[in-house]
Amino acid sequence: MARDREERVRPGSTARYPAGTVRALLEGPHVSAATRAVLEARLAARTTPAPRFFDIATFATLSAVCERLVPESIGRVSVAAMIDTRLADGMTDGWRYDAMPPDGDAYRLGLLGVDEHAHQRFGAAFVSLGDAPQDAVLREIQRTDVRGGVWDRVPAARFFEELLAEAVECFFSHPLAQEAIGYAGMADVPSWTSIGLDRLDAREPRAVRRTRE
């Protein structure tokens, strides 16, 4: 006999919200107007827009780098496009390391440095390399195992740190990524009452699995 039963969400569980639940939550009364406007804009954004800040070649490098750092396996989430939009709109965190140039310059120079190192190590542009060589290039930049060119002007480890942090932030700020990991924290109007491991608030979707018995 087959029946539906509720599956409890445990730490480390692979359970995820069913597709569409976070988007449905956005339309409900539990999300403030300001939060809803921001997240709906992210949902509506095109995944492959023409870059506004970077030229085509540099944007292609950024896209390839982001794919290695945060695999964009969830459709319609383009980390590179989100970074390009931020820079084109002149948005910043309001601070930067004193060893780093302004954000836009840091990105352009750092991505040029990625390609320079790819050519030095493998004789080809970063976008032309396979997964393993791309990972090797990025690891060497992260470890500051690079010399000359751009890296005489930009600290490689700082560039990698800043790029990785923004890529992760962009990815998990997108509603589809939040849906994939079972995150409903954008429901910011009421307070959360069920706090603790293995507990769900009343308004959170429950993952359902069909089993045979």
Protein backbone atom coordinates (compact mmCIF):
# COMPACT_ATOMS: atom_id res chain seq x y z
CA MET A 1 0.00 0.00 0.00
CA ALA A 2 1.32 3.43 -0.95
CA ARG A 3 0.61 6.51 1.11
CA ASP A 4 1.92 10.05 1.50
CA ARG A 5 3.65 10.90 4.73
CA GLU A 6 5.46 13.92 6.04
CA GLU A 7 9.24 13.69 6.20
CA ARG A 8 10.90 15.53 9.07
CA VAL A 9 13.75 17.84 8.11
CA ARG A 10 16.91 16.88 9.96
CA PRO A 11 20.35 18.50 10.01
CA GLY A 12 22.21 17.21 6.98
CA SER A 13 19.02 15.99 5.32
CA THR A 14 18.75 16.17 1.52
CA ALA A 15 15.09 17.24 1.79
CA ARG A 16 14.26 20.45 -0.07
CA TYR A 17 11.15 22.54 -0.43
CA PRO A 18 9.03 21.53 -3.42
CA ALA A 19 9.60 23.74 -6.46
CA GLY A 20 7.59 26.94 -6.29
CA THR A 21 7.17 27.12 -2.51
CA VAL A 22 9.44 30.10 -1.93
CA ARG A 23 7.81 31.95 -4.81
CA ALA A 24 4.41 31.16 -3.28
CA LEU A 25 5.66 32.41 0.09
CA LEU A 26 6.68 35.70 -1.54
CA GLU A 27 3.09 36.25 -2.61
CA GLY A 28 1.71 35.66 0.88
CA PRO A 29 1.25 37.96 3.88
CA HIS A 30 4.45 36.89 5.68
CA VAL A 31 6.88 38.90 3.55
CA SER A 32 7.26 42.66 3.87
CA ALA A 33 6.72 44.86 0.81
CA ALA A 34 10.36 45.97 0.71
CA THR A 35 11.70 42.41 0.85
CA ARG A 36 9.17 41.21 -1.71
CA ALA A 37 10.16 43.94 -4.19
CA VAL A 38 13.86 43.05 -3.96
CA LEU A 39 13.38 39.30 -4.34
CA GLU A 40 10.80 39.58 -7.12
CA ALA A 41 13.26 41.79 -9.05
CA ARG A 42 15.87 39.03 -8.72
CA LEU A 43 13.39 36.46 -9.98
CA ALA A 44 12.47 38.62 -12.95
CA ALA A 45 16.06 39.37 -13.97
CA ARG A 46 17.29 37.79 -17.18
CA THR A 47 19.93 35.13 -16.67
CA THR A 48 22.01 36.08 -19.71
CA PRO A 49 21.67 39.84 -20.16
CA ALA A 50 24.16 41.83 -22.18
CA PRO A 51 26.76 43.04 -19.68
CA ARG A 52 26.58 46.70 -18.80
CA PHE A 53 29.84 47.10 -16.89
CA PHE A 54 32.20 44.55 -18.42
CA ASP A 55 33.05 44.05 -22.06
CA ILE A 56 31.93 40.76 -23.60
CA ALA A 57 35.28 38.97 -23.20
CA THR A 58 35.76 40.01 -19.57
CA PHE A 59 32.18 39.07 -18.73
CA ALA A 60 32.78 35.63 -20.25
CA THR A 61 35.81 35.21 -18.01
CA LEU A 62 33.82 36.30 -14.96
CA SER A 63 31.03 33.85 -15.85
CA ALA A 64 33.49 30.98 -16.18
CA VAL A 65 35.17 31.86 -12.87
CA CYS A 66 31.82 32.07 -11.06
CA GLU A 67 30.81 28.69 -12.46
CA ARG A 68 33.88 27.12 -10.84
CA LEU A 69 33.35 28.92 -7.52
CA VAL A 70 29.58 28.54 -7.21
CA PRO A 71 28.22 26.09 -9.79
CA GLU A 72 25.09 27.70 -11.19
CA SER A 73 23.13 24.46 -11.35
CA ILE A 74 19.86 26.17 -10.45
CA GLY A 75 18.32 27.65 -13.57
CA ARG A 76 18.01 31.42 -13.91
CA VAL A 77 20.61 32.25 -11.24
CA SER A 78 23.50 34.12 -12.88
CA VAL A 79 26.06 35.23 -10.32
CA ALA A 80 28.13 36.99 -12.99
CA ALA A 81 25.11 39.03 -14.13
CA MET A 82 24.38 40.07 -10.54
CA ILE A 83 27.97 41.28 -10.08
CA ASP A 84 27.88 43.12 -13.41
CA THR A 85 24.62 44.83 -12.42
CA ARG A 86 26.00 45.95 -9.07
CA LEU A 87 29.09 47.47 -10.64
CA ALA A 88 27.11 49.12 -13.45
CA ASP A 89 24.78 50.70 -10.86
CA GLY A 90 27.75 51.97 -8.84
CA MET A 91 26.74 50.08 -5.70
CA THR A 92 29.40 49.26 -3.08
CA ASP A 93 29.70 48.01 0.49
CA GLY A 94 31.05 51.43 1.46
CA TRP A 95 34.53 50.13 2.30
CA ARG A 96 37.45 48.27 0.72
CA TYR A 97 40.87 46.99 1.68
CA ASP A 98 43.43 49.77 1.35
CA ALA A 99 45.61 47.45 -0.77
CA MET A 100 42.80 47.04 -3.31
CA PRO A 101 41.73 49.50 -6.03
CA PRO A 102 38.07 50.53 -6.31
CA ASP A 103 35.70 47.64 -7.00
CA GLY A 104 35.35 48.14 -10.73
CA ASP A 105 39.08 48.48 -11.30
CA ALA A 106 39.77 45.51 -9.01
CA TYR A 107 37.40 43.28 -11.01
CA ARG A 108 38.71 44.35 -14.41
CA LEU A 109 42.34 43.97 -13.35
CA GLY A 110 41.77 40.74 -11.44
CA LEU A 111 39.94 39.07 -14.31
CA LEU A 112 42.71 40.19 -16.67
CA GLY A 113 45.12 38.57 -14.22
CA VAL A 114 43.10 35.34 -14.31
CA ASP A 115 43.53 35.20 -18.08
CA GLU A 116 47.21 36.13 -17.87
CA HIS A 117 47.87 33.29 -15.45
CA ALA A 118 45.81 30.85 -17.55
CA HIS A 119 47.99 31.68 -20.56
CA GLN A 120 51.19 31.34 -18.52
CA ARG A 121 50.20 27.96 -17.08
CA PHE A 122 48.23 26.36 -19.90
CA GLY A 123 48.73 28.51 -22.99
CA ALA A 124 45.07 29.43 -23.43
CA ALA A 125 42.40 31.82 -22.14
CA PHE A 126 40.63 30.79 -18.93
CA VAL A 127 37.32 30.22 -20.73
CA SER A 128 39.00 27.74 -23.10
CA LEU A 129 40.32 25.49 -20.33
CA GLY A 130 38.71 22.40 -18.87
CA ASP A 131 37.44 22.18 -15.31
CA ALA A 132 40.68 20.86 -13.74
CA PRO A 133 42.98 23.49 -15.31
CA GLN A 134 40.52 26.23 -14.40
CA ASP A 135 40.50 25.03 -10.80
CA ALA A 136 44.32 24.96 -10.80
CA VAL A 137 44.48 28.58 -12.01
CA LEU A 138 42.07 29.73 -9.30
CA ARG A 139 43.82 27.80 -6.54
CA GLU A 140 47.16 29.33 -7.48
CA ILE A 141 45.62 32.83 -7.42
CA GLN A 142 44.07 32.06 -4.03
CA ARG A 143 47.46 30.89 -2.70
CA THR A 144 49.23 33.91 -4.28
CA ASP A 145 51.28 31.48 -6.34
CA VAL A 146 51.33 33.98 -9.20
CA ARG A 147 53.93 36.46 -10.40
CA GLY A 148 54.17 39.48 -12.66
CA GLY A 149 51.66 41.38 -14.75
CA VAL A 150 48.47 42.32 -12.96
CA TRP A 151 49.55 40.60 -9.76
CA ASP A 152 52.30 43.17 -9.24
CA ARG A 153 49.51 45.73 -8.82
CA VAL A 154 46.65 43.75 -7.26
CA PRO A 155 47.06 41.37 -4.28
CA ALA A 156 45.94 38.04 -5.68
CA ALA A 157 44.66 36.54 -2.43
CA ARG A 158 42.58 39.64 -1.64
CA PHE A 159 41.07 39.62 -5.13
CA PHE A 160 40.15 35.94 -4.79
CA GLU A 161 38.71 36.49 -1.31
CA GLU A 162 36.52 39.36 -2.44
CA LEU A 163 35.32 37.58 -5.58
CA LEU A 164 34.48 34.34 -3.75
CA ALA A 165 32.61 36.21 -1.00
CA GLU A 166 30.51 38.16 -3.49
CA ALA A 167 29.80 35.12 -5.66
CA VAL A 168 28.49 33.16 -2.67
CA GLU A 169 26.50 36.14 -1.40
CA CYS A 170 24.89 36.71 -4.79
CA PHE A 171 24.00 33.06 -5.27
CA PHE A 172 22.33 32.53 -1.91
CA SER A 173 20.52 35.87 -2.06
CA HIS A 174 18.50 34.59 -5.03
CA PRO A 175 15.04 33.16 -4.26
CA LEU A 176 15.62 30.05 -6.39
CA ALA A 177 18.81 29.21 -4.51
CA GLN A 178 16.98 29.81 -1.23
CA GLU A 179 14.23 27.48 -2.37
CA ALA A 180 16.76 24.79 -3.25
CA ILE A 181 18.27 24.79 0.25
CA GLY A 182 14.96 25.12 2.09
CA TYR A 183 15.39 28.67 3.35
CA ALA A 184 12.34 30.73 4.26
CA GLY A 185 14.01 33.51 6.23
CA MET A 186 12.70 36.15 3.87
CA ALA A 187 9.33 35.77 5.63
CA ASP A 188 10.14 38.77 7.77
CA VAL A 189 6.78 40.12 8.92
CA PRO A 190 5.96 37.85 11.89
CA SER A 191 8.53 36.58 14.35
CA TRP A 192 9.83 33.03 14.21
CA THR A 193 8.36 30.94 17.04
CA SER A 194 9.83 27.48 16.38
CA ILE A 195 13.53 27.95 17.01
CA GLY A 196 15.75 24.89 17.37
CA LEU A 197 17.09 21.89 15.54
CA ASP A 198 14.60 19.73 13.64
CA ARG A 199 11.72 22.15 14.16
CA LEU A 200 9.69 23.94 11.48
CA ASP A 201 7.57 27.02 11.94
CA ALA A 202 3.90 26.59 11.13
CA ARG A 203 4.16 28.62 7.92
CA GLU A 204 7.16 26.70 6.50
CA PRO A 205 6.48 24.20 3.69
CA ARG A 206 6.93 20.56 4.61
CA ALA A 207 8.87 18.27 2.28
CA VAL A 208 6.72 15.30 1.29
CA ARG A 209 8.04 11.97 0.02
CA ARG A 210 5.97 9.13 -1.39
CA THR A 211 6.96 5.76 0.08
CA ARG A 212 5.84 2.20 -0.43
CA GLU A 213 4.94 0.02 2.51
